[in-house]
């Protein structure tokens, strides 16, 4: 029988190619010989448990490294959810692996599987194409035909809506088709979701964010489980964006949180299990006594050196000969390297069965079965340095690997075989040291190489002397002498001078300082992202930080105490008992020896790291320190954070405290769960808001603009369904999440849509918000907009600024008949878009008050209705104080400025006007202030309040009319025309229309032209004349302007008459002369004086009466009568002589 090793191994693997969901989803043999591992069972347990419990969380993201078998696991889930008939063999294997998990996947399930494979295209486009292909595997029907008709892949629309915006509609319609075909729903598998994220990061305008959000929303519908979604990624969302040089917005992170995270990765120990199946060693190997002894011995030692965990695959390692010829160190290193630098299991299995140079098959063909012949680190180094090589994502690891390769190649001829083997082993172990937490000591290298300890020590010393390797005394390990890393050892030694307690607490402060933890479960239940500020340190530091939440919603104080110090533990408990802040949690973290040592080591390397940065040493030294620092930090994360997340052994004793009391059953909580407990308790009445765009304290400018557009639609199209919104603009998302889902906008009687207050059918959250708004506004006083928003943010509601502003605006619209709105103390009659924008910019300047109509005094409203009727203001008997105040202020606002300022009123009316002008509170105005000033002037006549109020309002309303009458009277008096205003204007137009154009003086001409203008109404005619004479419109006159006007008009009329007298002498304007009589007198000085006197019917009557009397007195002597009349006219003329001296000559008065 041949001794060649290859003849005693199968070297076969069932994983000959990678799984492609698009290709293998409908293939029944695609999972033949699939191995169900504990990691697979953990995933099935998490997803199946959620499905069985009826949880609304039906969207998951499966995260695992490259090639970890995520696609195959997705295919397994598809088989299980399709039912037993789909894959009997895999179901049978699951029964054998775990009866508990089998029960989570009942055989009667019948979900239709739909798969999308990631590529650099839009997610909506890929989904549409996948649905079209899937329809070929479903029965034909009307629904399927209609979907195909409505789906336009060229235009990229569904029902004339862009695909990314219509994703939810498309999915719901496809689910209905599958149910019509007898399926219970759809399982959507999104493989390599990261490629879609990369596309979205490069093309943010495509709307993939909306598509992914809608997919998660459809899957997480509280009552419809028609869709399950499982997406597969190898890293988190933002890591993909960084890979293409982009960053993702906060909205992407919120969408990511809608998918429940399911970690999936096989531990290193499981690769031994895969190796055993691939090797297929025969009896020559498995029954060899020497091989059994050696193999079992070295695999036990491998556990001691941290290559494997002691708890993993212990049964397998008891049959370690079945893993021959793989040395445990090479097996563990290959597993890690394939996960970090290759294609994980597929790369591992390619090594096991492939024909590459240096791979296992190549080794088996050139070696015989012998207990001393193992595939070790030297062989693995040679394999890794040939062919395609490794794919590094860490520049430091790549450079150290290249450095090691160059050292081996450069010194190949100058070194002994032992030294070369040492360098190869160290190079490979350095690649995995951080993951396996192995230390390159002399003892470890002896185990790896199987050589004499003394010989290895001498070889290492010689390599260190030649500056190829460096020995680090602090950890007694070796590494490649990259640059001047040896300088760091002195800095590390300096840290030894610090006390252990100081180092430990410094490590705690630095490792956990200012951490932010999201309350994930609270977010999933309420839609509101809240975070806690995690502060860690001593009891004194935590006591000082309580209540200081910063930009977070709450805080968690972690009091670290040495478990072996009762004094520190007691002090920590005292701080926990004395904490009373409602938004703070405290927890006592008892640190054991392992955690203590990890924190001390981390603190030391932190100090070294800071010193290196300050001293500006060479880049290689900095990278070395970064490596050691990150190693220490990872150890802290593994031990201390595992303790906080309830994963460390013995961690169940840590309890959270709230307001001085320990929280029951909090021993199993991690930080995120504790934060969710805190916010669930504090914000117990928080409404559910499934919209991350508006559910913020400070929405973006784009969302603020959408909010304003929503308000405009509420004002103009409130009676339309969806407010008349078409397509999917941002305001539609606001509408659906804040108005439609809450029932604030609904169909009323007659089919009209309207805004209505919440009722018994509305969600509990919006009912409580509404009750809080009632409580705030229905008080004896005003409350500002800033106060309203801040109070809604307080427990137990905790509503963010974004949704609170929208709901409060809707509250004002629903209660507009009873809500008074004030800006800087002044009542706003109608809330406009400008008011709304100013309100958001200056929330402290707007205040509100709501009035309870039922509690108002109806009798007083009736009195006001009667009084207001006297001035033409109609007020219904069912009106409220607010209605009455609004109508009164509207009436007052329409009054001219003269009426609002004149003092030519009674004292009572002036007092009433001042009360209306200063009014800020409708109730105080109507119920207190106005009755007080009106009834203060009550006389003996016993007039009632409405009569006295009507009298004062009438006087105030007629003030301007009285002024107009006074202007009219002054005009009639100046022109010596009697009769009403109509007669005055008619006479002036008749007399002045022709003469105006002949006047030369500008002011006189303008006055006469205005007097003769018949195109204006009476009010505008008087306002026009007032503007010419006083140079100010009539409605803004002061009290002093009326006498000025009378004097000015009289003077202008005098000048006009004198001009007209001269014109009449020349025989001009005969028609105007009919109303005047011209008299010429010769004065004693010999000068002549002329008079122009009005001649009308009244003057003629007076003249006849005077002549009759005078005739009787002179006894019929007409000469004597004429002499008496002439003497009287002379005396009248002498009264105006002084004024005439300042006038120009008559000839100069005539135009032209």
Foldseek 3Di string as FASTA:
>chain_A
DDQQLLVQWPLDAPPPDADDCVPCLQPLCPCPPPDCDPLLLLLLCVQLVCVVVLALQQFAEEAAFFQQCPNVSVSVVSQLQQACVSHVVVLVVVCVVDVVSNVSRDRPHHAAEFEFEAALDAPLLRRLVRLVVVVVVADDDDLVVLQVVQQDSVVCGGVNFHRLQCLLVSQVSSLVRVVVRVHQAYEYEYEACLSNLCNCQVPVVSNSLSNLLSLLCNCSPSPRNRYGYYYYHHDDSQVSSVVNPGGDDPSSVLSVLSHHYRYGHDDLLCLLVSLLVSTNGDCVQQVDPLLLVLQLVLVVVCCVQLLDPPVGPVVVSNSRSSNPQARSNNSSLVQVQCRAWNRHPVVVSCLSNPDDPLGPSNLSNPDGDDSVDHCAQLSSLVRQVDDPHTHHPDPLLVVQLVLLVVVCVVCVPVDDPLLSSLSSNQSSCVNCCLPSVGFAALVVSCSRVVDDSVVSVVSVVVCVVVQQKPAQVVRRGIHGNFDPLVVLNVLLVVLVVDDLVVLLQLLFQVLQPQDKAWLSVLCNVAVAIFIAGEGEGALVVLLVCAPVGDPGPAYEYEHEDALVDPVRVVSNLVSLQQRADLRYKYKYQHDYPQLSVLSNQLSSLVSSLVVCVVVVDDPRNNVVSVVSNVSSSVSNCVAVLCLQQLNDPPSLVMFMGGRRHTDPPRSNHHPSNVNSVSLCVFQVLAHHFNDPQQQAQDHDPLVVVLLLVLVVLCVPQLFDVCSPDDHCDPVSSVCCRQPVLQVQWDQDPPRTIHGDQGDPPGDSNSNVLLVVVCVQAADPDKDFQVRNQVVCCGPNHNGHNRSSLSSVVSVCVNQVQFKWKDFQLHTDLDCDSVNSVVCVVCRRRMIMHGYDLVPDDLVLQVLLQLLVVLVPQHDDSSHGLVVSLSSVLVVVVPAFQQLLDAPPADPLLVQLSVLNVNDRDSCCSRVPRNQVSQCVPDDPVRDDSSVSSSVSVVRSRCVLVVLLVLLQVLLCVLLVHDDDSVRQLVVLLVQQVVVLVFFDDDLLSLLSVLSNDPPDDSQVSSQSNLCSQVVDGSSNDYPVSSVSSSVSSNVSSVLVQLLVLLVVVVVPRVVNLVQWDKDWDQDPVRDIDIDIGGHDDVVVVVVVVVVVVLCVVVVNPVVVSVVVVNVVVVVVVVVCVVVCVPPDDNVVRTRD
